Amino acid sequence: MSEPNAVTKAALAEYEEMRKNPGAYKRYHSVDELFDEVLEDVKGTHADLLS
C-alpha cells in the first residue's frame, strides 16, 4: 500500500482531533439546520451576491 499524500494525512489528523474533542466542534441535528446557518452567514457577509 502506498503512503497517503499530505492532504489525506491532514484530513486524518483533523478527524482524530475531532474525535478526541467533540465538544469543540459544532453539531447539527439535520442538514436543513446546517444550510439555514450557512444561508444566514452568506446573507450577512455576502449580501451583494444574493441580489
PDB file of N, CA and C in Angstrom:
ATOM      1  N   MET A   1       0.845  -1.170   0.000  1.00  0.00           N
ATOM      2  CA  MET A   1       0.000   0.000   0.000  1.00  0.00           C
ATOM      3  C   MET A   1       0.895   1.238   0.000  1.00  0.00           C
ATOM      4  N   SER A   2       0.498   2.252  -0.765  1.00  0.00           N
ATOM      5  CA  SER A   2       1.319   3.453  -0.877  1.00  0.00           C
ATOM      6  C   SER A   2       1.075   4.407   0.299  1.00  0.00           C
ATOM      7  N   GLU A   3       2.001   5.310   0.485  1.00  0.00           N
ATOM      8  CA  GLU A   3       1.926   6.323   1.545  1.00  0.00           C
ATOM      9  C   GLU A   3       0.846   7.353   1.215  1.00  0.00           C
ATOM     10  N   PRO A   4      -0.017   7.702   2.175  1.00  0.00           N
ATOM     11  CA  PRO A   4      -1.034   8.732   1.921  1.00  0.00           C
ATOM     12  C   PRO A   4      -0.375  10.077   1.611  1.00  0.00           C
ATOM     13  N   ASN A   5      -1.029  10.869   0.755  1.00  0.00           N
ATOM     14  CA  ASN A   5      -0.480  12.178   0.432  1.00  0.00           C
ATOM     15  C   ASN A   5      -0.734  13.155   1.578  1.00  0.00           C
ATOM     16  N   ALA A   6      -0.220  14.371   1.443  1.00  0.00           N
ATOM     17  CA  ALA A   6      -0.308  15.369   2.517  1.00  0.00           C
ATOM     18  C   ALA A   6      -1.752  15.748   2.843  1.00  0.00           C
ATOM     19  N   VAL A   7      -2.600  15.845   1.832  1.00  0.00           N
ATOM     20  CA  VAL A   7      -3.999  16.209   2.054  1.00  0.00           C
ATOM     21  C   VAL A   7      -4.708  15.118   2.858  1.00  0.00           C
ATOM     22  N   THR A   8      -4.466  13.882   2.523  1.00  0.00           N
ATOM     23  CA  THR A   8      -5.065  12.762   3.246  1.00  0.00           C
ATOM     24  C   THR A   8      -4.571  12.720   4.687  1.00  0.00           C
ATOM     25  N   LYS A   9      -3.283  12.936   4.882  1.00  0.00           N
ATOM     26  CA  LYS A   9      -2.727  12.950   6.237  1.00  0.00           C
ATOM     27  C   LYS A   9      -3.355  14.063   7.069  1.00  0.00           C
ATOM     28  N   ALA A  10      -3.530  15.237   6.469  1.00  0.00           N
ATOM     29  CA  ALA A  10      -4.145  16.361   7.184  1.00  0.00           C
ATOM     30  C   ALA A  10      -5.593  16.040   7.543  1.00  0.00           C
ATOM     31  N   ALA A  11      -6.327  15.419   6.630  1.00  0.00           N
ATOM     32  CA  ALA A  11      -7.722  15.056   6.891  1.00  0.00           C
ATOM     33  C   ALA A  11      -7.813  14.034   8.021  1.00  0.00           C
ATOM     34  N   LEU A  12      -6.921  13.077   8.029  1.00  0.00           N
ATOM     35  CA  LEU A  12      -6.921  12.074   9.096  1.00  0.00           C
ATOM     36  C   LEU A  12      -6.566  12.699  10.446  1.00  0.00           C
ATOM     37  N   ALA A  13      -5.630  13.641  10.452  1.00  0.00           N
ATOM     38  CA  ALA A  13      -5.275  14.333  11.695  1.00  0.00           C
ATOM     39  C   ALA A  13      -6.456  15.157  12.197  1.00  0.00           C
ATOM     40  N   GLU A  14      -7.162  15.807  11.274  1.00  0.00           N
ATOM     41  CA  GLU A  14      -8.343  16.587  11.657  1.00  0.00           C
ATOM     42  C   GLU A  14      -9.420  15.674  12.236  1.00  0.00           C
ATOM     43  N   TYR A  15      -9.618  14.536  11.623  1.00  0.00           N
ATOM     44  CA  TYR A  15     -10.594  13.570  12.136  1.00  0.00           C
ATOM     45  C   TYR A  15     -10.229  13.138  13.560  1.00  0.00           C
ATOM     46  N   GLU A  16      -8.973  12.835  13.787  1.00  0.00           N
ATOM     47  CA  GLU A  16      -8.542  12.406  15.119  1.00  0.00           C
ATOM     48  C   GLU A  16      -8.779  13.517  16.142  1.00  0.00           C
ATOM     49  N   GLU A  17      -8.478  14.767  15.778  1.00  0.00           N
ATOM     50  CA  GLU A  17      -8.713  15.894  16.681  1.00  0.00           C
ATOM     51  C   GLU A  17     -10.196  16.023  16.999  1.00  0.00           C
ATOM     52  N   MET A  18     -11.034  15.898  16.001  1.00  0.00           N
ATOM     53  CA  MET A  18     -12.487  16.000  16.204  1.00  0.00           C
ATOM     54  C   MET A  18     -12.996  14.856  17.080  1.00  0.00           C
ATOM     55  N   ARG A  19     -12.442  13.693  16.886  1.00  0.00           N
ATOM     56  CA  ARG A  19     -12.857  12.526  17.684  1.00  0.00           C
ATOM     57  C   ARG A  19     -12.447  12.679  19.147  1.00  0.00           C
ATOM     58  N   LYS A  20     -11.271  13.254  19.379  1.00  0.00           N
ATOM     59  CA  LYS A  20     -10.779  13.434  20.744  1.00  0.00           C
ATOM     60  C   LYS A  20     -11.486  14.572  21.475  1.00  0.00           C
ATOM     61  N   ASN A  21     -11.927  15.592  20.732  1.00  0.00           N
ATOM     62  CA  ASN A  21     -12.525  16.780  21.343  1.00  0.00           C
ATOM     63  C   ASN A  21     -13.845  17.137  20.668  1.00  0.00           C
ATOM     64  N   PRO A  22     -14.843  16.273  20.738  1.00  0.00           N
ATOM     65  CA  PRO A  22     -16.092  16.525  20.020  1.00  0.00           C
ATOM     66  C   PRO A  22     -16.824  17.784  20.481  1.00  0.00           C
ATOM     67  N   GLY A  23     -16.641  18.173  21.731  1.00  0.00           N
ATOM     68  CA  GLY A  23     -17.308  19.362  22.233  1.00  0.00           C
ATOM     69  C   GLY A  23     -16.782  20.661  21.641  1.00  0.00           C
ATOM     70  N   ALA A  24     -15.643  20.611  21.005  1.00  0.00           N
ATOM     71  CA  ALA A  24     -15.041  21.808  20.413  1.00  0.00           C
ATOM     72  C   ALA A  24     -15.606  22.107  19.024  1.00  0.00           C
ATOM     73  N   TYR A  25     -16.478  21.254  18.531  1.00  0.00           N
ATOM     74  CA  TYR A  25     -16.991  21.397  17.172  1.00  0.00           C
ATOM     75  C   TYR A  25     -18.511  21.456  17.182  1.00  0.00           C
ATOM     76  N   LYS A  26     -19.026  22.297  16.324  1.00  0.00           N
ATOM     77  CA  LYS A  26     -20.468  22.459  16.227  1.00  0.00           C
ATOM     78  C   LYS A  26     -21.095  21.220  15.589  1.00  0.00           C
ATOM     79  N   ARG A  27     -22.278  20.874  16.073  1.00  0.00           N
ATOM     80  CA  ARG A  27     -23.025  19.741  15.514  1.00  0.00           C
ATOM     81  C   ARG A  27     -24.385  20.232  15.090  1.00  0.00           C
ATOM     82  N   TYR A  28     -24.937  19.585  14.113  1.00  0.00           N
ATOM     83  CA  TYR A  28     -26.255  19.927  13.596  1.00  0.00           C
ATOM     84  C   TYR A  28     -27.159  18.711  13.711  1.00  0.00           C
ATOM     85  N   HIS A  29     -28.451  18.984  13.941  1.00  0.00           N
ATOM     86  CA  HIS A  29     -29.416  17.894  14.060  1.00  0.00           C
ATOM     87  C   HIS A  29     -29.966  17.470  12.705  1.00  0.00           C
ATOM     88  N   SER A  30     -29.779  18.325  11.703  1.00  0.00           N
ATOM     89  CA  SER A  30     -30.266  17.986  10.367  1.00  0.00           C
ATOM     90  C   SER A  30     -29.484  18.789   9.330  1.00  0.00           C
ATOM     91  N   VAL A  31     -29.568  18.358   8.111  1.00  0.00           N
ATOM     92  CA  VAL A  31     -28.952  19.087   7.009  1.00  0.00           C
ATOM     93  C   VAL A  31     -29.651  20.427   6.838  1.00  0.00           C
ATOM     94  N   ASP A  32     -30.950  20.458   7.056  1.00  0.00           N
ATOM     95  CA  ASP A  32     -31.693  21.717   6.959  1.00  0.00           C
ATOM     96  C   ASP A  32     -31.147  22.746   7.949  1.00  0.00           C
ATOM     97  N   GLU A  33     -30.864  22.317   9.168  1.00  0.00           N
ATOM     98  CA  GLU A  33     -30.310  23.215  10.178  1.00  0.00           C
ATOM     99  C   GLU A  33     -28.948  23.754   9.732  1.00  0.00           C
ATOM    100  N   LEU A  34     -28.136  22.894   9.168  1.00  0.00           N
ATOM    101  CA  LEU A  34     -26.823  23.298   8.657  1.00  0.00           C
ATOM    102  C   LEU A  34     -26.973  24.346   7.559  1.00  0.00           C
ATOM    103  N   PHE A  35     -27.832  24.075   6.580  1.00  0.00           N
ATOM    104  CA  PHE A  35     -27.991  25.003   5.467  1.00  0.00           C
ATOM    105  C   PHE A  35     -28.633  26.312   5.904  1.00  0.00           C
ATOM    106  N   ASP A  36     -29.521  26.269   6.881  1.00  0.00           N
ATOM    107  CA  ASP A  36     -30.094  27.510   7.408  1.00  0.00           C
ATOM    108  C   ASP A  36     -28.985  28.417   7.943  1.00  0.00           C
ATOM    109  N   GLU A  37     -28.047  27.835   8.677  1.00  0.00           N
ATOM    110  CA  GLU A  37     -26.950  28.630   9.222  1.00  0.00           C
ATOM    111  C   GLU A  37     -26.037  29.143   8.113  1.00  0.00           C
ATOM    112  N   VAL A  38     -25.735  28.301   7.155  1.00  0.00           N
ATOM    113  CA  VAL A  38     -24.882  28.727   6.039  1.00  0.00           C
ATOM    114  C   VAL A  38     -25.534  29.883   5.292  1.00  0.00           C
ATOM    115  N   LEU A  39     -26.823  29.781   5.015  1.00  0.00           N
ATOM    116  CA  LEU A  39     -27.512  30.848   4.304  1.00  0.00           C
ATOM    117  C   LEU A  39     -27.532  32.143   5.107  1.00  0.00           C
ATOM    118  N   GLU A  40     -27.705  32.050   6.418  1.00  0.00           N
ATOM    119  CA  GLU A  40     -27.666  33.251   7.253  1.00  0.00           C
ATOM    120  C   GLU A  40     -26.287  33.894   7.199  1.00  0.00           C
ATOM    121  N   ASP A  41     -25.248  33.079   7.225  1.00  0.00           N
ATOM    122  CA  ASP A  41     -23.885  33.616   7.124  1.00  0.00           C
ATOM    123  C   ASP A  41     -23.672  34.309   5.785  1.00  0.00           C
ATOM    124  N   VAL A  42     -24.150  33.703   4.717  1.00  0.00           N
ATOM    125  CA  VAL A  42     -23.996  34.287   3.389  1.00  0.00           C
ATOM    126  C   VAL A  42     -24.759  35.604   3.305  1.00  0.00           C
ATOM    127  N   LYS A  43     -25.958  35.627   3.840  1.00  0.00           N
ATOM    128  CA  LYS A  43     -26.752  36.862   3.825  1.00  0.00           C
ATOM    129  C   LYS A  43     -26.044  37.970   4.590  1.00  0.00           C
ATOM    130  N   GLY A  44     -25.375  37.629   5.671  1.00  0.00           N
ATOM    131  CA  GLY A  44     -24.700  38.625   6.491  1.00  0.00           C
ATOM    132  C   GLY A  44     -23.380  39.104   5.922  1.00  0.00           C
ATOM    133  N   THR A  45     -22.667  38.235   5.225  1.00  0.00           N
ATOM    134  CA  THR A  45     -21.334  38.613   4.761  1.00  0.00           C
ATOM    135  C   THR A  45     -21.237  38.822   3.265  1.00  0.00           C
ATOM    136  N   HIS A  46     -22.160  38.264   2.505  1.00  0.00           N
ATOM    137  CA  HIS A  46     -22.088  38.370   1.044  1.00  0.00           C
ATOM    138  C   HIS A  46     -23.456  38.713   0.457  1.00  0.00           C
ATOM    139  N   ALA A  47     -24.138  39.640   1.079  1.00  0.00           N
ATOM    140  CA  ALA A  47     -25.481  40.017   0.606  1.00  0.00           C
ATOM    141  C   ALA A  47     -25.443  40.486  -0.843  1.00  0.00           C
ATOM    142  N   ASP A  48     -24.315  41.077  -1.260  1.00  0.00           N
ATOM    143  CA  ASP A  48     -24.189  41.556  -2.636  1.00  0.00           C
ATOM    144  C   ASP A  48     -24.296  40.413  -3.652  1.00  0.00           C
ATOM    145  N   LEU A  49     -23.937  39.215  -3.259  1.00  0.00           N
ATOM    146  CA  LEU A  49     -24.013  38.069  -4.178  1.00  0.00           C
ATOM    147  C   LEU A  49     -25.442  37.561  -4.341  1.00  0.00           C
ATOM    148  N   LEU A  50     -26.315  37.899  -3.419  1.00  0.00           N
ATOM    149  CA  LEU A  50     -27.689  37.387  -3.449  1.00  0.00           C
ATOM    150  C   LEU A  50     -28.649  38.296  -4.213  1.00  0.00           C
ATOM    151  N   SER A  51     -28.205  39.483  -4.589  1.00  0.00           N
ATOM    152  CA  SER A  51     -29.116  40.403  -5.274  1.00  0.00           C
ATOM    153  C   SER A  51     -28.964  40.334  -6.781  1.00  0.00           C
TER     154      SER A  51
END
